[in-house]
PDB file of all heavy atoms in Angstrom:
ATOM      1  N   LYS A   1      14.228  -7.877  -7.514  1.00  0.00           N
ATOM      2  CA  LYS A   1      15.311  -8.844  -7.293  1.00  0.00           C
ATOM      3  C   LYS A   1      15.425  -9.210  -5.819  1.00  0.00           C
ATOM      4  O   LYS A   1      15.616 -10.376  -5.477  1.00  0.00           O
ATOM      5  CB  LYS A   1      16.637  -8.280  -7.799  1.00  0.00           C
ATOM      6  CG  LYS A   1      16.755  -8.252  -9.294  1.00  0.00           C
ATOM      7  CD  LYS A   1      18.078  -7.642  -9.730  1.00  0.00           C
ATOM      8  CE  LYS A   1      18.091  -7.416 -11.227  1.00  0.00           C
ATOM      9  NZ  LYS A   1      19.262  -6.673 -11.663  1.00  0.00           N
ATOM     10  N   ARG A   2      15.327  -8.208  -4.940  1.00  0.00           N
ATOM     11  CA  ARG A   2      15.418  -8.465  -3.491  1.00  0.00           C
ATOM     12  C   ARG A   2      14.284  -9.367  -3.014  1.00  0.00           C
ATOM     13  O   ARG A   2      14.443 -10.101  -2.041  1.00  0.00           O
ATOM     14  CB  ARG A   2      15.378  -7.161  -2.712  1.00  0.00           C
ATOM     15  CG  ARG A   2      16.718  -6.596  -2.360  1.00  0.00           C
ATOM     16  CD  ARG A   2      16.643  -5.520  -1.298  1.00  0.00           C
ATOM     17  NE  ARG A   2      15.777  -4.413  -1.656  1.00  0.00           N
ATOM     18  CZ  ARG A   2      16.126  -3.354  -2.387  1.00  0.00           C
ATOM     19  NH1 ARG A   2      17.358  -3.275  -2.863  1.00  0.00           N
ATOM     20  NH2 ARG A   2      15.279  -2.395  -2.651  1.00  0.00           N
ATOM     21  N   ASN A   3      13.139  -9.275  -3.668  1.00  0.00           N
ATOM     22  CA  ASN A   3      11.969 -10.057  -3.260  1.00  0.00           C
ATOM     23  C   ASN A   3      11.705 -11.240  -4.188  1.00  0.00           C
ATOM     24  O   ASN A   3      10.589 -11.760  -4.221  1.00  0.00           O
ATOM     25  CB  ASN A   3      10.739  -9.141  -3.208  1.00  0.00           C
ATOM     26  CG  ASN A   3      10.820  -8.157  -2.074  1.00  0.00           C
ATOM     27  OD1 ASN A   3      10.786  -8.537  -0.911  1.00  0.00           O
ATOM     28  ND2 ASN A   3      10.964  -6.888  -2.389  1.00  0.00           N
ATOM     29  N   SER A   4      12.714 -11.684  -4.908  1.00  0.00           N
ATOM     30  CA  SER A   4      12.523 -12.746  -5.896  1.00  0.00           C
ATOM     31  C   SER A   4      12.017 -14.054  -5.294  1.00  0.00           C
ATOM     32  O   SER A   4      11.356 -14.836  -5.975  1.00  0.00           O
ATOM     33  CB  SER A   4      13.816 -12.993  -6.668  1.00  0.00           C
ATOM     34  OG  SER A   4      14.829 -13.457  -5.808  1.00  0.00           O
ATOM     35  N   GLN A   5      12.281 -14.281  -4.021  1.00  0.00           N
ATOM     36  CA  GLN A   5      11.848 -15.527  -3.381  1.00  0.00           C
ATOM     37  C   GLN A   5      10.334 -15.627  -3.245  1.00  0.00           C
ATOM     38  O   GLN A   5       9.800 -16.719  -3.070  1.00  0.00           O
ATOM     39  CB  GLN A   5      12.521 -15.703  -2.004  1.00  0.00           C
ATOM     40  CG  GLN A   5      12.016 -14.775  -0.918  1.00  0.00           C
ATOM     41  CD  GLN A   5      12.612 -13.362  -0.946  1.00  0.00           C
ATOM     42  OE1 GLN A   5      13.392 -13.022  -1.826  1.00  0.00           O
ATOM     43  NE2 GLN A   5      12.236 -12.551   0.010  1.00  0.00           N
ATOM     44  N   VAL A   6       9.593 -14.518  -3.372  1.00  0.00           N
ATOM     45  CA  VAL A   6       8.137 -14.566  -3.227  1.00  0.00           C
ATOM     46  C   VAL A   6       7.406 -14.502  -4.568  1.00  0.00           C
ATOM     47  O   VAL A   6       6.179 -14.569  -4.600  1.00  0.00           O
ATOM     48  CB  VAL A   6       7.614 -13.443  -2.297  1.00  0.00           C
ATOM     49  CG1 VAL A   6       8.210 -13.565  -0.906  1.00  0.00           C
ATOM     50  CG2 VAL A   6       7.854 -12.078  -2.885  1.00  0.00           C
ATOM     51  N   ILE A   7       8.140 -14.402  -5.668  1.00  0.00           N
ATOM     52  CA  ILE A   7       7.495 -14.325  -6.975  1.00  0.00           C
ATOM     53  C   ILE A   7       6.723 -15.610  -7.239  1.00  0.00           C
ATOM     54  O   ILE A   7       7.266 -16.707  -7.140  1.00  0.00           O
ATOM     55  CB  ILE A   7       8.520 -14.059  -8.095  1.00  0.00           C
ATOM     56  CG1 ILE A   7       9.134 -12.666  -7.911  1.00  0.00           C
ATOM     57  CG2 ILE A   7       7.875 -14.194  -9.474  1.00  0.00           C
ATOM     58  CD1 ILE A   7      10.263 -12.341  -8.856  1.00  0.00           C
ATOM     59  N   GLY A   8       5.433 -15.455  -7.496  1.00  0.00           N
ATOM     60  CA  GLY A   8       4.572 -16.597  -7.797  1.00  0.00           C
ATOM     61  C   GLY A   8       4.054 -17.359  -6.600  1.00  0.00           C
ATOM     62  O   GLY A   8       3.373 -18.361  -6.756  1.00  0.00           O
ATOM     63  N   THR A   9       4.341 -16.876  -5.381  1.00  0.00           N
ATOM     64  CA  THR A   9       3.934 -17.617  -4.181  1.00  0.00           C
ATOM     65  C   THR A   9       2.633 -17.124  -3.569  1.00  0.00           C
ATOM     66  O   THR A   9       2.147 -17.709  -2.611  1.00  0.00           O
ATOM     67  CB  THR A   9       5.016 -17.522  -3.085  1.00  0.00           C
ATOM     68  OG1 THR A   9       5.127 -16.159  -2.665  1.00  0.00           O
ATOM     69  CG2 THR A   9       6.352 -18.044  -3.564  1.00  0.00           C
ATOM     70  N   LYS A  10       2.067 -16.065  -4.079  1.00  0.00           N
ATOM     71  CA  LYS A  10       0.874 -15.420  -3.518  1.00  0.00           C
ATOM     72  C   LYS A  10       1.132 -14.837  -2.126  1.00  0.00           C
ATOM     73  O   LYS A  10       0.212 -14.580  -1.366  1.00  0.00           O
ATOM     74  CB  LYS A  10      -0.330 -16.367  -3.490  1.00  0.00           C
ATOM     75  CG  LYS A  10      -0.790 -16.763  -4.862  1.00  0.00           C
ATOM     76  CD  LYS A  10      -2.072 -17.548  -4.817  1.00  0.00           C
ATOM     77  CE  LYS A  10      -2.520 -17.867  -6.227  1.00  0.00           C
ATOM     78  NZ  LYS A  10      -3.782 -18.594  -6.243  1.00  0.00           N
ATOM     79  N   LYS A  11       2.403 -14.621  -1.800  1.00  0.00           N
ATOM     80  CA  LYS A  11       2.760 -13.959  -0.542  1.00  0.00           C
ATOM     81  C   LYS A  11       2.967 -12.480  -0.848  1.00  0.00           C
ATOM     82  O   LYS A  11       3.711 -12.123  -1.760  1.00  0.00           O
ATOM     83  CB  LYS A  11       4.039 -14.557   0.032  1.00  0.00           C
ATOM     84  CG  LYS A  11       4.447 -13.900   1.330  1.00  0.00           C
ATOM     85  CD  LYS A  11       5.707 -14.506   1.905  1.00  0.00           C
ATOM     86  CE  LYS A  11       6.055 -13.749   3.180  1.00  0.00           C
ATOM     87  NZ  LYS A  11       7.353 -14.111   3.688  1.00  0.00           N
ATOM     88  N   ALA A  12       2.296 -11.618  -0.091  1.00  0.00           N
ATOM     89  CA  ALA A  12       2.387 -10.173  -0.322  1.00  0.00           C
ATOM     90  C   ALA A  12       3.654  -9.605   0.309  1.00  0.00           C
ATOM     91  O   ALA A  12       4.061 -10.030   1.397  1.00  0.00           O
ATOM     92  CB  ALA A  12       1.162  -9.468   0.244  1.00  0.00           C
ATOM     93  N   VAL A  13       4.266  -8.657  -0.404  1.00  0.00           N
ATOM     94  CA  VAL A  13       5.431  -7.946   0.105  1.00  0.00           C
ATOM     95  C   VAL A  13       5.191  -6.448  -0.048  1.00  0.00           C
ATOM     96  O   VAL A  13       4.440  -6.010  -0.920  1.00  0.00           O
ATOM     97  CB  VAL A  13       6.734  -8.338  -0.631  1.00  0.00           C
ATOM     98  CG1 VAL A  13       7.126  -9.758  -0.310  1.00  0.00           C
ATOM     99  CG2 VAL A  13       6.627  -8.125  -2.114  1.00  0.00           C
ATOM    100  N   LYS A  14       5.849  -5.671   0.806  1.00  0.00           N
ATOM    101  CA  LYS A  14       5.735  -4.219   0.737  1.00  0.00           C
ATOM    102  C   LYS A  14       6.750  -3.691  -0.275  1.00  0.00           C
ATOM    103  O   LYS A  14       7.935  -4.020  -0.197  1.00  0.00           O
ATOM    104  CB  LYS A  14       5.991  -3.607   2.116  1.00  0.00           C
ATOM    105  CG  LYS A  14       5.854  -2.113   2.137  1.00  0.00           C
ATOM    106  CD  LYS A  14       6.160  -1.549   3.513  1.00  0.00           C
ATOM    107  CE  LYS A  14       6.272  -0.040   3.429  1.00  0.00           C
ATOM    108  NZ  LYS A  14       6.769   0.543   4.657  1.00  0.00           N
ATOM    109  N   MET A  15       6.257  -2.909  -1.231  1.00  0.00           N
ATOM    110  CA  MET A  15       7.118  -2.327  -2.254  1.00  0.00           C
ATOM    111  C   MET A  15       6.588  -0.953  -2.632  1.00  0.00           C
ATOM    112  O   MET A  15       5.429  -0.650  -2.385  1.00  0.00           O
ATOM    113  CB  MET A  15       7.128  -3.189  -3.527  1.00  0.00           C
ATOM    114  CG  MET A  15       7.644  -4.578  -3.354  1.00  0.00           C
ATOM    115  SD  MET A  15       7.661  -5.454  -4.923  1.00  0.00           S
ATOM    116  CE  MET A  15       9.163  -4.823  -5.611  1.00  0.00           C
ATOM    117  N   GLU A  16       7.459  -0.177  -3.269  1.00  0.00           N
ATOM    118  CA  GLU A  16       7.022   1.077  -3.858  1.00  0.00           C
ATOM    119  C   GLU A  16       6.544   0.799  -5.277  1.00  0.00           C
ATOM    120  O   GLU A  16       7.201   0.075  -6.028  1.00  0.00           O
ATOM    121  CB  GLU A  16       8.168   2.086  -3.915  1.00  0.00           C
ATOM    122  CG  GLU A  16       8.489   2.740  -2.606  1.00  0.00           C
ATOM    123  CD  GLU A  16       9.514   3.831  -2.796  1.00  0.00           C
ATOM    124  OE1 GLU A  16      10.678   3.490  -3.015  1.00  0.00           O
ATOM    125  OE2 GLU A  16       9.134   5.017  -2.752  1.00  0.00           O
ATOM    126  N   ILE A  17       5.397   1.352  -5.633  1.00  0.00           N
ATOM    127  CA  ILE A  17       4.875   1.217  -6.985  1.00  0.00           C
ATOM    128  C   ILE A  17       4.521   2.601  -7.511  1.00  0.00           C
ATOM    129  O   ILE A  17       4.204   3.500  -6.742  1.00  0.00           O
ATOM    130  CB  ILE A  17       3.633   0.298  -7.049  1.00  0.00           C
ATOM    131  CG1 ILE A  17       2.476   0.886  -6.218  1.00  0.00           C
ATOM    132  CG2 ILE A  17       3.963  -1.111  -6.601  1.00  0.00           C
ATOM    133  CD1 ILE A  17       1.165   0.184  -6.437  1.00  0.00           C
ATOM    134  N   MET A  18       4.602   2.745  -8.827  1.00  0.00           N
ATOM    135  CA  MET A  18       4.182   4.008  -9.434  1.00  0.00           C
ATOM    136  C   MET A  18       3.065   3.714 -10.425  1.00  0.00           C
ATOM    137  O   MET A  18       3.248   2.943 -11.366  1.00  0.00           O
ATOM    138  CB  MET A  18       5.313   4.709 -10.181  1.00  0.00           C
ATOM    139  CG  MET A  18       4.860   6.035 -10.780  1.00  0.00           C
ATOM    140  SD  MET A  18       6.132   7.001 -11.631  1.00  0.00           S
ATOM    141  CE  MET A  18       6.534   5.939 -12.989  1.00  0.00           C
ATOM    142  N   ASP A  19       1.921   4.323 -10.176  1.00  0.00           N
ATOM    143  CA  ASP A  19       0.788   4.222 -11.081  1.00  0.00           C
ATOM    144  C   ASP A  19       1.078   5.112 -12.283  1.00  0.00           C
ATOM    145  O   ASP A  19       1.385   6.291 -12.125  1.00  0.00           O
ATOM    146  CB  ASP A  19      -0.482   4.681 -10.358  1.00  0.00           C
ATOM    147  CG  ASP A  19      -1.729   4.451 -11.160  1.00  0.00           C
ATOM    148  OD1 ASP A  19      -1.707   4.673 -12.387  1.00  0.00           O
ATOM    149  OD2 ASP A  19      -2.748   4.059 -10.561  1.00  0.00           O
ATOM    150  N   GLN A  20       1.003   4.559 -13.478  1.00  0.00           N
ATOM    151  CA  GLN A  20       1.284   5.322 -14.683  1.00  0.00           C
ATOM    152  C   GLN A  20       0.316   6.492 -14.878  1.00  0.00           C
ATOM    153  O   GLN A  20       0.684   7.503 -15.454  1.00  0.00           O
ATOM    154  CB  GLN A  20       1.217   4.410 -15.911  1.00  0.00           C
ATOM    155  CG  GLN A  20       2.462   3.611 -16.108  1.00  0.00           C
ATOM    156  CD  GLN A  20       3.639   4.501 -16.400  1.00  0.00           C
ATOM    157  OE1 GLN A  20       4.345   4.930 -15.503  1.00  0.00           O
ATOM    158  NE2 GLN A  20       3.846   4.812 -17.643  1.00  0.00           N
ATOM    159  N   LYS A  21      -0.902   6.356 -14.405  1.00  0.00           N
ATOM    160  CA  LYS A  21      -1.893   7.415 -14.576  1.00  0.00           C
ATOM    161  C   LYS A  21      -1.545   8.623 -13.715  1.00  0.00           C
ATOM    162  O   LYS A  21      -1.557   9.753 -14.187  1.00  0.00           O
ATOM    163  CB  LYS A  21      -3.293   6.890 -14.226  1.00  0.00           C
ATOM    164  CG  LYS A  21      -4.411   7.873 -14.513  1.00  0.00           C
ATOM    165  CD  LYS A  21      -5.758   7.266 -14.219  1.00  0.00           C
ATOM    166  CE  LYS A  21      -6.046   7.495 -12.744  1.00  0.00           C
ATOM    167  NZ  LYS A  21      -7.354   7.026 -12.327  1.00  0.00           N
ATOM    168  N   ASP A  22      -1.232   8.400 -12.448  1.00  0.00           N
ATOM    169  CA  ASP A  22      -0.975   9.497 -11.507  1.00  0.00           C
ATOM    170  C   ASP A  22       0.481   9.924 -11.467  1.00  0.00           C
ATOM    171  O   ASP A  22       0.795  11.004 -10.980  1.00  0.00           O
ATOM    172  CB  ASP A  22      -1.407   9.096 -10.094  1.00  0.00           C
ATOM    173  CG  ASP A  22      -2.888   8.804 -10.012  1.00  0.00           C
ATOM    174  OD1 ASP A  22      -3.656   9.378 -10.807  1.00  0.00           O
ATOM    175  OD2 ASP A  22      -3.280   7.987  -9.155  1.00  0.00           O
ATOM    176  N   LYS A  23       1.391   9.055 -11.908  1.00  0.00           N
ATOM    177  CA  LYS A  23       2.836   9.327 -11.866  1.00  0.00           C
ATOM    178  C   LYS A  23       3.317   9.644 -10.444  1.00  0.00           C
ATOM    179  O   LYS A  23       4.137  10.518 -10.227  1.00  0.00           O
ATOM    180  CB  LYS A  23       3.219  10.477 -12.810  1.00  0.00           C
ATOM    181  CG  LYS A  23       2.811  10.276 -14.234  1.00  0.00           C
ATOM    182  CD  LYS A  23       3.717   9.308 -14.925  1.00  0.00           C
ATOM    183  CE  LYS A  23       3.396   9.323 -16.412  1.00  0.00           C
ATOM    184  NZ  LYS A  23       3.751   8.135 -17.099  1.00  0.00           N
ATOM    185  N   VAL A  24       2.765   8.921  -9.472  1.00  0.00           N
ATOM    186  CA  VAL A  24       3.104   9.126  -8.065  1.00  0.00           C
ATOM    187  C   VAL A  24       3.540   7.785  -7.472  1.00  0.00           C
ATOM    188  O   VAL A  24       2.868   6.770  -7.666  1.00  0.00           O
ATOM    189  CB  VAL A  24       1.885   9.674  -7.276  1.00  0.00           C
ATOM    190  CG1 VAL A  24       2.183   9.761  -5.789  1.00  0.00           C
ATOM    191  CG2 VAL A  24       1.464  11.026  -7.815  1.00  0.00           C
ATOM    192  N   TRP A  25       4.664   7.800  -6.765  1.00  0.00           N
ATOM    193  CA  TRP A  25       5.130   6.598  -6.072  1.00  0.00           C
ATOM    194  C   TRP A  25       4.341   6.424  -4.786  1.00  0.00           C
ATOM    195  O   TRP A  25       4.105   7.378  -4.052  1.00  0.00           O
ATOM    196  CB  TRP A  25       6.614   6.690  -5.761  1.00  0.00           C
ATOM    197  CG  TRP A  25       7.461   6.522  -6.973  1.00  0.00           C
ATOM    198  CD1 TRP A  25       8.007   7.509  -7.734  1.00  0.00           C
ATOM    199  CD2 TRP A  25       7.850   5.298  -7.583  1.00  0.00           C
ATOM    200  NE1 TRP A  25       8.720   6.980  -8.779  1.00  0.00           N
ATOM    201  CE2 TRP A  25       8.644   5.619  -8.718  1.00  0.00           C
ATOM    202  CE3 TRP A  25       7.618   3.953  -7.297  1.00  0.00           C
ATOM    203  CZ2 TRP A  25       9.188   4.643  -9.544  1.00  0.00           C
ATOM    204  CZ3 TRP A  25       8.178   2.991  -8.123  1.00  0.00           C
ATOM    205  CH2 TRP A  25       8.944   3.335  -9.225  1.00  0.00           C
ATOM    206  N   GLN A  26       3.938   5.173  -4.519  1.00  0.00           N
ATOM    207  CA  GLN A  26       3.195   4.842  -3.305  1.00  0.00           C
ATOM    208  C   GLN A  26       3.731   3.542  -2.739  1.00  0.00           C
ATOM    209  O   GLN A  26       4.190   2.676  -3.487  1.00  0.00           O
ATOM    210  CB  GLN A  26       1.705   4.629  -3.620  1.00  0.00           C
ATOM    211  CG  GLN A  26       1.018   5.816  -4.225  1.00  0.00           C
ATOM    212  CD  GLN A  26      -0.386   5.442  -4.671  1.00  0.00           C
ATOM    213  OE1 GLN A  26      -0.569   4.575  -5.506  1.00  0.00           O
ATOM    214  NE2 GLN A  26      -1.369   6.111  -4.094  1.00  0.00           N
ATOM    215  N   ASP A  27       3.628   3.400  -1.429  1.00  0.00           N
ATOM    216  CA  ASP A  27       3.931   2.126  -0.797  1.00  0.00           C
ATOM    217  C   ASP A  27       2.695   1.248  -0.910  1.00  0.00           C
ATOM    218  O   ASP A  27       1.569   1.728  -0.744  1.00  0.00           O
ATOM    219  CB  ASP A  27       4.300   2.301   0.675  1.00  0.00           C
ATOM    220  CG  ASP A  27       5.684   2.888   0.855  1.00  0.00           C
ATOM    221  OD1 ASP A  27       6.568   2.608   0.025  1.00  0.00           O
ATOM    222  OD2 ASP A  27       5.888   3.626   1.845  1.00  0.00           O
ATOM    223  N   ALA A  28       2.910  -0.019  -1.197  1.00  0.00           N
ATOM    224  CA  ALA A  28       1.794  -0.943  -1.330  1.00  0.00           C
ATOM    225  C   ALA A  28       2.233  -2.346  -0.953  1.00  0.00           C
ATOM    226  O   ALA A  28       3.420  -2.660  -0.990  1.00  0.00           O
ATOM    227  CB  ALA A  28       1.275  -0.943  -2.763  1.00  0.00           C
ATOM    228  N   GLU A  29       1.263  -3.154  -0.578  1.00  0.00           N
ATOM    229  CA  GLU A  29       1.504  -4.576  -0.401  1.00  0.00           C
ATOM    230  C   GLU A  29       1.053  -5.235  -1.691  1.00  0.00           C
ATOM    231  O   GLU A  29      -0.093  -5.058  -2.115  1.00  0.00           O
ATOM    232  CB  GLU A  29       0.716  -5.126   0.781  1.00  0.00           C
ATOM    233  CG  GLU A  29       1.247  -4.665   2.109  1.00  0.00           C
ATOM    234  CD  GLU A  29       0.471  -5.236   3.284  1.00  0.00           C
ATOM    235  OE1 GLU A  29      -0.368  -6.151   3.089  1.00  0.00           O
ATOM    236  OE2 GLU A  29       0.692  -4.760   4.393  1.00  0.00           O
ATOM    237  N   VAL A  30       1.970  -5.950  -2.337  1.00  0.00           N
ATOM    238  CA  VAL A  30       1.669  -6.559  -3.633  1.00  0.00           C
ATOM    239  C   VAL A  30       2.101  -8.015  -3.670  1.00  0.00           C
ATOM    240  O   VAL A  30       3.001  -8.430  -2.945  1.00  0.00           O
ATOM    241  CB  VAL A  30       2.360  -5.793  -4.788  1.00  0.00           C
ATOM    242  CG1 VAL A  30       1.895  -4.359  -4.851  1.00  0.00           C
ATOM    243  CG2 VAL A  30       3.865  -5.852  -4.687  1.00  0.00           C
ATOM    244  N   MET A  31       1.444  -8.775  -4.538  1.00  0.00           N
ATOM    245  CA  MET A  31       1.872 -10.122  -4.875  1.00  0.00           C
ATOM    246  C   MET A  31       2.465 -10.031  -6.278  1.00  0.00           C
ATOM    247  O   MET A  31       1.868  -9.413  -7.166  1.00  0.00           O
ATOM    248  CB  MET A  31       0.699 -11.098  -4.848  1.00  0.00           C
ATOM    249  CG  MET A  31       0.156 -11.334  -3.455  1.00  0.00           C
ATOM    250  SD  MET A  31      -1.137 -12.602  -3.424  1.00  0.00           S
ATOM    251  CE  MET A  31      -2.530 -11.647  -4.012  1.00  0.00           C
ATOM    252  N   ILE A  32       3.622 -10.615  -6.478  1.00  0.00           N
ATOM    253  CA  ILE A  32       4.333 -10.525  -7.758  1.00  0.00           C
ATOM    254  C   ILE A  32       4.278 -11.881  -8.467  1.00  0.00           C
ATOM    255  O   ILE A  32       4.490 -12.919  -7.833  1.00  0.00           O
ATOM    256  CB  ILE A  32       5.815 -10.151  -7.543  1.00  0.00           C
ATOM    257  CG1 ILE A  32       5.952  -8.930  -6.649  1.00  0.00           C
ATOM    258  CG2 ILE A  32       6.508  -9.917  -8.872  1.00  0.00           C
ATOM    259  CD1 ILE A  32       7.362  -8.681  -6.165  1.00  0.00           C
ATOM    260  N   PHE A  33       4.009 -11.821  -9.759  1.00  0.00           N
ATOM    261  CA  PHE A  33       3.962 -13.031 -10.581  1.00  0.00           C
ATOM    262  C   PHE A  33       4.797 -12.827 -11.833  1.00  0.00           C
ATOM    263  O   PHE A  33       4.868 -11.729 -12.365  1.00  0.00           O
ATOM    264  CB  PHE A  33       2.513 -13.339 -10.978  1.00  0.00           C
ATOM    265  CG  PHE A  33       1.605 -13.522  -9.806  1.00  0.00           C
ATOM    266  CD1 PHE A  33       0.889 -12.458  -9.304  1.00  0.00           C
ATOM    267  CD2 PHE A  33       1.489 -14.761  -9.196  1.00  0.00           C
ATOM    268  CE1 PHE A  33       0.062 -12.609  -8.209  1.00  0.00           C
ATOM    269  CE2 PHE A  33       0.656 -14.924  -8.097  1.00  0.00           C
ATOM    270  CZ  PHE A  33      -0.063 -13.848  -7.599  1.00  0.00           C
ATOM    271  N   GLU A  34       5.410 -13.897 -12.300  1.00  0.00           N
ATOM    272  CA  GLU A  34       6.149 -13.839 -13.558  1.00  0.00           C
ATOM    273  C   GLU A  34       5.224 -14.360 -14.651  1.00  0.00           C
ATOM    274  O   GLU A  34       4.775 -15.495 -14.601  1.00  0.00           O
ATOM    275  CB  GLU A  34       7.425 -14.680 -13.482  1.00  0.00           C
ATOM    276  CG  GLU A  34       8.343 -14.435 -14.648  1.00  0.00           C
ATOM    277  CD  GLU A  34       9.731 -15.006 -14.427  1.00  0.00           C
ATOM    278  OE1 GLU A  34      10.000 -15.563 -13.354  1.00  0.00           O
ATOM    279  OE2 GLU A  34      10.540 -14.887 -15.351  1.00  0.00           O
ATOM    280  N   GLY A  35       4.910 -13.509 -15.592  1.00  0.00           N
ATOM    281  CA  GLY A  35       3.985 -13.873 -16.655  1.00  0.00           C
ATOM    282  C   GLY A  35       2.563 -13.464 -16.332  1.00  0.00           C
ATOM    283  O   GLY A  35       2.231 -13.105 -15.203  1.00  0.00           O
ATOM    284  N   GLU A  36       1.751 -13.506 -17.367  1.00  0.00           N
ATOM    285  CA  GLU A  36       0.359 -13.061 -17.244  1.00  0.00           C
ATOM    286  C   GLU A  36      -0.388 -13.904 -16.221  1.00  0.00           C
ATOM    287  O   GLU A  36      -0.289 -15.128 -16.211  1.00  0.00           O
ATOM    288  CB  GLU A  36      -0.325 -13.156 -18.602  1.00  0.00           C
ATOM    289  CG  GLU A  36      -1.581 -12.354 -18.678  1.00  0.00           C
ATOM    290  CD  GLU A  36      -2.072 -12.175 -20.097  1.00  0.00           C
ATOM    291  OE1 GLU A  36      -1.261 -12.300 -21.027  1.00  0.00           O
ATOM    292  OE2 GLU A  36      -3.258 -11.903 -20.259  1.00  0.00           O
ATOM    293  N   THR A  37      -1.119 -13.220 -15.341  1.00  0.00           N
ATOM    294  CA  THR A  37      -1.835 -13.863 -14.248  1.00  0.00           C
ATOM    295  C   THR A  37      -3.210 -13.229 -14.122  1.00  0.00           C
ATOM    296  O   THR A  37      -3.347 -12.009 -14.234  1.00  0.00           O
ATOM    297  CB  THR A  37      -1.061 -13.686 -12.919  1.00  0.00           C
ATOM    298  OG1 THR A  37       0.256 -14.216 -13.086  1.00  0.00           O
ATOM    299  CG2 THR A  37      -1.738 -14.399 -11.779  1.00  0.00           C
ATOM    300  N   LYS A  38      -4.211 -14.060 -13.874  1.00  0.00           N
ATOM    301  CA  LYS A  38      -5.586 -13.571 -13.736  1.00  0.00           C
ATOM    302  C   LYS A  38      -5.678 -12.527 -12.625  1.00  0.00           C
ATOM    303  O   LYS A  38      -5.115 -12.708 -11.542  1.00  0.00           O
ATOM    304  CB  LYS A  38      -6.518 -14.742 -13.432  1.00  0.00           C
ATOM    305  CG  LYS A  38      -7.974 -14.347 -13.368  1.00  0.00           C
ATOM    306  CD  LYS A  38      -8.850 -15.526 -13.045  1.00  0.00           C
ATOM    307  CE  LYS A  38     -10.297 -15.042 -12.936  1.00  0.00           C
ATOM    308  NZ  LYS A  38     -11.157 -16.069 -12.401  1.00  0.00           N
TER     309      LYS A  38
END
């Protein structure tokens, strides 16, 4: 929600993500999209 202005813009933001396989939170730079994206 805080980063909603960059959704779909291909602009990377720093966020915490948790990989389901490792179950570990990590900081990452990610691009966020609404809906399925290649």
